[in-house]
Protein backbone atom coordinates (compact mmCIF):
# COMPACT_ATOMS: atom_id res chain seq x y z
CA MET A 1 0.00 0.00 0.00
CA PRO A 2 1.61 3.35 -0.99
CA PRO A 3 2.18 5.55 2.07
CA SER A 4 0.37 8.47 0.42
CA ALA A 5 -2.81 6.42 0.07
CA PHE A 6 -2.71 5.67 3.78
CA ARG A 7 -2.17 9.31 4.79
CA ARG A 8 -5.08 10.58 2.71
CA GLN A 9 -7.55 9.54 5.41
CA PRO A 10 -8.14 11.98 8.29
CA GLU A 11 -8.41 10.63 11.79
CA LEU A 12 -11.61 8.70 12.39
CA THR A 13 -11.14 8.12 16.09
CA ASP A 14 -13.18 11.16 17.16
CA ALA A 15 -16.31 10.06 15.32
CA ALA A 16 -15.73 6.39 16.13
CA ALA A 17 -15.23 7.15 19.83
CA TRP A 18 -18.99 7.36 20.38
CA PHE A 19 -19.28 3.64 19.67
CA SER A 20 -16.92 2.96 22.58
CA CYS A 21 -19.17 4.67 25.12
CA ALA A 22 -22.02 2.84 26.82
CA ALA A 23 -24.67 4.19 24.44
CA GLY A 24 -22.68 3.21 21.37
CA ARG A 25 -21.74 -0.19 22.74
CA ALA A 26 -25.42 -0.97 23.34
CA VAL A 27 -26.09 -0.47 19.63
CA LEU A 28 -23.15 -2.67 18.58
CA CYS A 29 -24.05 -5.42 21.03
CA SER A 30 -27.62 -5.51 19.75
CA GLU A 31 -26.21 -6.38 16.32
CA ALA A 32 -24.19 -9.41 17.46
CA GLY A 33 -26.87 -11.91 16.45
CA SER A 34 -27.04 -10.52 12.93
CA LEU A 35 -23.24 -10.74 12.65
CA ARG A 36 -23.40 -14.42 13.58
CA GLU A 37 -26.04 -14.92 10.89
CA ALA A 38 -23.84 -13.19 8.32
CA ALA A 39 -20.92 -15.43 9.31
CA GLN A 40 -22.89 -18.43 8.11
CA GLU A 41 -23.48 -17.04 4.61
CA ARG A 42 -21.49 -18.28 1.61
CA PRO A 43 -19.37 -20.88 3.45
CA GLY A 44 -15.87 -21.34 2.13
CA GLN A 45 -15.58 -17.73 0.94
CA ALA A 46 -13.81 -14.82 2.59
CA ARG A 47 -15.86 -12.39 4.69
CA LEU A 48 -14.92 -8.83 5.57
CA LEU A 49 -16.18 -6.88 8.60
CA LEU A 50 -15.54 -3.12 8.86
CA THR A 51 -16.38 -1.68 12.27
CA PRO A 52 -15.66 1.54 14.20
CA VAL A 53 -14.07 -0.01 17.29
CA PRO A 54 -12.34 -3.27 18.24
CA ALA A 55 -14.31 -5.98 20.01
CA GLN A 56 -14.44 -5.56 23.77
CA GLY A 57 -14.95 -8.68 25.81
CA ASP A 58 -17.36 -11.39 24.70
CA ASP A 59 -19.90 -9.29 22.81
CA GLY A 60 -20.37 -11.77 19.99
CA GLN A 61 -18.63 -9.61 17.42
CA GLY A 62 -15.24 -11.27 17.25
CA GLU A 63 -16.37 -13.88 14.74
CA PRO A 64 -13.35 -15.86 13.53
CA ALA A 65 -15.01 -16.26 10.12
CA PHE A 66 -14.35 -12.58 9.35
CA LEU A 67 -11.36 -10.54 8.36
CA ARG A 68 -12.15 -7.84 10.88
CA LEU A 69 -10.85 -4.29 10.50
CA HIS A 70 -11.54 -1.42 12.89
CA ILE A 71 -10.54 2.23 13.02
CA ALA A 72 -6.90 2.63 14.00
CA ALA A 73 -5.71 4.95 16.76
CA GLY A 74 -4.24 7.29 14.16
CA GLN A 75 -5.40 6.78 10.59
CA GLY A 76 -6.76 3.94 8.52
CA PHE A 77 -7.60 0.47 9.82
CA GLU A 78 -6.03 -2.20 11.92
CA GLY A 79 -7.03 -5.69 12.92
CA GLY A 80 -6.34 -8.62 10.60
CA VAL A 81 -4.12 -6.25 8.60
CA ARG A 82 -3.10 -2.62 8.95
CA CYS A 83 -4.11 -0.60 5.92
CA GLY A 84 -5.94 2.38 4.50
CA LEU A 85 -8.41 2.85 1.70
CA PRO A 86 -8.63 1.58 -0.95
CA LEU A 87 -8.47 -1.79 0.77
CA PRO A 88 -5.50 -4.00 -0.14
CA LEU A 89 -7.84 -6.76 -1.28
CA ALA A 90 -8.33 -8.23 -4.73
CA SER A 91 -11.53 -7.44 -6.59
CA GLU A 92 -14.31 -10.00 -6.17
CA CYS A 93 -12.62 -11.86 -3.31
CA CYS A 94 -15.28 -11.68 -0.56
CA GLY A 95 -18.59 -13.46 -0.36
CA VAL A 96 -19.86 -11.20 2.44
CA VAL A 97 -18.93 -7.65 3.39
CA ILE A 98 -20.31 -6.00 6.52
CA VAL A 99 -20.17 -2.24 7.00
CA GLN A 100 -21.01 -1.69 10.66
CA HIS A 101 -21.68 2.04 11.02
CA LEU A 102 -18.56 3.20 9.18
CA ALA A 103 -20.80 4.72 6.52
CA ASP A 104 -22.36 6.82 9.30
CA ILE A 105 -19.07 8.67 9.78
CA SER A 106 -17.82 8.75 6.19
CA ALA A 107 -17.65 12.05 4.33
CA GLU A 108 -17.99 10.07 1.08
CA PRO A 109 -20.26 7.12 1.85
CA ALA A 110 -20.92 6.49 -1.86
CA ALA A 111 -17.20 5.94 -2.46
CA LEU A 112 -17.02 3.59 0.53
CA LEU A 113 -19.89 1.50 -0.85
CA GLU A 114 -18.21 1.34 -4.26
CA GLU A 115 -15.08 -0.05 -2.64
CA CYS A 116 -17.13 -2.66 -0.80
CA ALA A 117 -18.90 -3.57 -4.04
CA ARG A 118 -15.52 -3.97 -5.72
CA VAL A 119 -14.34 -6.67 -3.31
CA LEU A 120 -17.66 -8.56 -3.34
CA VAL A 121 -18.00 -11.57 -5.60
CA PRO A 122 -20.94 -11.50 -8.05
CA GLY A 123 -23.94 -12.63 -6.05
CA GLY A 124 -22.21 -11.73 -2.77
CA ARG A 125 -24.01 -9.68 -0.17
CA LEU A 126 -23.31 -6.44 1.67
CA TRP A 127 -24.74 -6.07 5.17
CA LEU A 128 -25.08 -2.39 6.03
CA PHE A 129 -25.69 -1.41 9.66
CA ALA A 130 -26.62 2.25 9.98
CA LEU A 131 -27.92 4.61 12.65
CA ASN A 132 -31.53 5.69 12.36
CA PRO A 133 -31.84 9.51 12.16
CA LEU A 134 -35.51 9.31 13.21
CA ALA A 135 -34.88 7.41 16.45
CA PRO A 136 -35.16 9.18 19.83
CA TYR A 137 -31.76 7.60 20.53
CA ARG A 138 -30.24 10.15 18.12
CA LEU A 139 -29.97 12.57 21.05
CA ARG A 140 -27.29 10.27 22.49
CA TRP A 141 -25.00 10.68 19.47
CA ARG A 142 -25.79 14.30 18.66
CA GLY A 143 -22.56 16.29 18.29
CA ALA A 144 -20.41 13.14 18.54
CA GLY A 145 -19.63 12.80 14.82
CA PRO A 146 -22.01 10.28 13.18
CA ARG A 147 -24.12 11.63 10.33
CA PRO A 148 -26.83 9.05 9.68
CA ALA A 149 -29.24 8.91 6.75
CA GLU A 150 -32.66 7.34 6.18
CA PRO A 151 -33.03 3.93 4.48
CA PHE A 152 -34.24 5.58 1.25
CA THR A 153 -30.92 7.41 0.92
CA TRP A 154 -28.92 4.25 1.55
CA ARG A 155 -30.89 2.31 -1.08
CA ARG A 156 -30.13 5.00 -3.63
CA ARG A 157 -26.42 4.87 -2.78
CA LEU A 158 -26.36 1.07 -2.90
CA ARG A 159 -27.99 1.02 -6.34
CA ALA A 160 -25.49 3.59 -7.60
CA ALA A 161 -22.68 1.25 -6.47
CA GLY A 162 -24.18 -1.59 -8.53
CA LEU A 163 -25.85 -3.36 -5.60
CA LEU A 164 -29.47 -4.51 -5.33
CA PRO A 165 -30.86 -3.56 -1.90
CA GLU A 166 -33.66 -5.41 -0.17
CA SER A 167 -37.00 -3.61 -0.06
CA VAL A 168 -37.41 -3.91 3.73
CA THR A 169 -35.00 -2.81 6.44
CA GLN A 170 -34.81 -4.44 9.84
CA GLY A 171 -34.83 -2.22 12.90
CA LEU A 172 -32.61 -3.17 15.82
CA GLY A 173 -31.02 -1.70 18.91
CA PRO A 174 -32.56 0.41 21.67
CA THR A 175 -35.16 3.15 21.28
CA TRP A 176 -34.07 5.38 24.17
CA SER A 177 -32.77 3.42 27.16
CA VAL A 178 -29.16 2.27 26.98
CA ALA A 179 -29.82 -1.43 26.44
CA ALA A 180 -29.03 -4.10 23.86
CA PRO A 181 -32.30 -5.77 22.78
CA ALA A 182 -31.65 -8.79 20.59
CA ASP A 183 -34.93 -8.77 18.66
CA LEU A 184 -35.39 -7.34 15.17
CA GLN A 185 -38.43 -5.70 13.65
CA ASP A 186 -39.60 -5.03 10.12
CA GLY A 187 -38.77 -1.44 9.29
CA ALA A 188 -36.47 0.91 11.15
CA GLY A 189 -39.30 2.43 13.20
CA LEU A 190 -37.90 4.20 16.25
CA ARG A 191 -35.04 1.77 16.82
CA ALA A 192 -31.55 3.24 17.11
CA ALA A 193 -30.21 1.39 14.06
CA PHE A 194 -31.30 -0.63 11.08
CA LEU A 195 -29.92 -3.38 8.88
CA LEU A 196 -30.14 -3.12 5.10
CA ARG A 197 -28.76 -5.93 2.95
CA ALA A 198 -27.86 -5.67 -0.72
CA GLU A 199 -26.64 -8.16 -3.32
CA LYS A 200 -23.98 -7.50 -5.91
CA ARG A 201 -25.30 -7.51 -9.45
CA ARG A 202 -23.42 -9.54 -12.00
CA ALA A 203 -23.60 -6.61 -14.41
CA PRO A 204 -24.13 -3.11 -12.93
CA LEU A 205 -27.06 -1.15 -14.33
CA THR A 206 -25.05 2.07 -14.26
CA PRO A 207 -21.37 2.61 -15.10
CA ASN A 208 -19.08 2.80 -12.10
CA ARG A 209 -17.89 6.28 -11.30
CA THR A 210 -14.19 7.04 -11.11
CA ARG A 211 -13.17 6.01 -7.61
CA HIS A 212 -11.74 8.64 -5.33
CA ALA A 213 -9.72 8.27 -2.18
CA VAL A 214 -12.29 7.93 0.59
CA ARG A 215 -12.41 10.90 2.95
CA TRP A 216 -14.03 10.83 6.35
CA GLN A 217 -15.87 13.34 8.47
CA PRO A 218 -14.02 13.80 11.76
CA GLY A 219 -16.33 14.14 14.71
CA ILE A 220 -16.16 16.16 17.88
CA PRO A 221 -13.93 14.57 20.52
CA ALA A 222 -15.86 13.06 23.41
CA ALA A 223 -15.59 14.97 26.65
């Protein structure tokens, strides 16, 4: 990986820091069951998990079936490998890619999704976990860096990246109390987060845009 490509990314730790606090951890822990489900998809193929923070304790997220990358203390990612974006992975090498809230803090989420689509095999699936901007829980991340969007916006971005999103999102996570409910519901509703899955098309409906180095939106450091 050329050093310049690694340095192009601003620090993400400020925005990612919210997911290390109790309120953020509750959201991540509520998604552990869905991560285990994703780990069982497309057996025998590589799986990539991009997350804001490293696993802490036994929260169900440290699935050995994944190449897991989290935000590094300075810039880029660390975990299974230390790298920046674009990812040092061959095109069409992963059967499953999970973006766990990194798109919530990206200044160019469309470019991030294009990179994920690049590494997916045809017919592979992207699992996108995103914060719900309509949830009362949004008051707990206000001013901390994340910039969530509604499911409609994510579907548009996924289609632009050559992915076919599902028509129904699944709501998960707390509504207001700091807790980690394990159940899912149809539609985001008032839940803190939602899951939207999308499949890679064998032939994109729209030409891929020229890929840019992915920039990120730094957040406000936690007090």
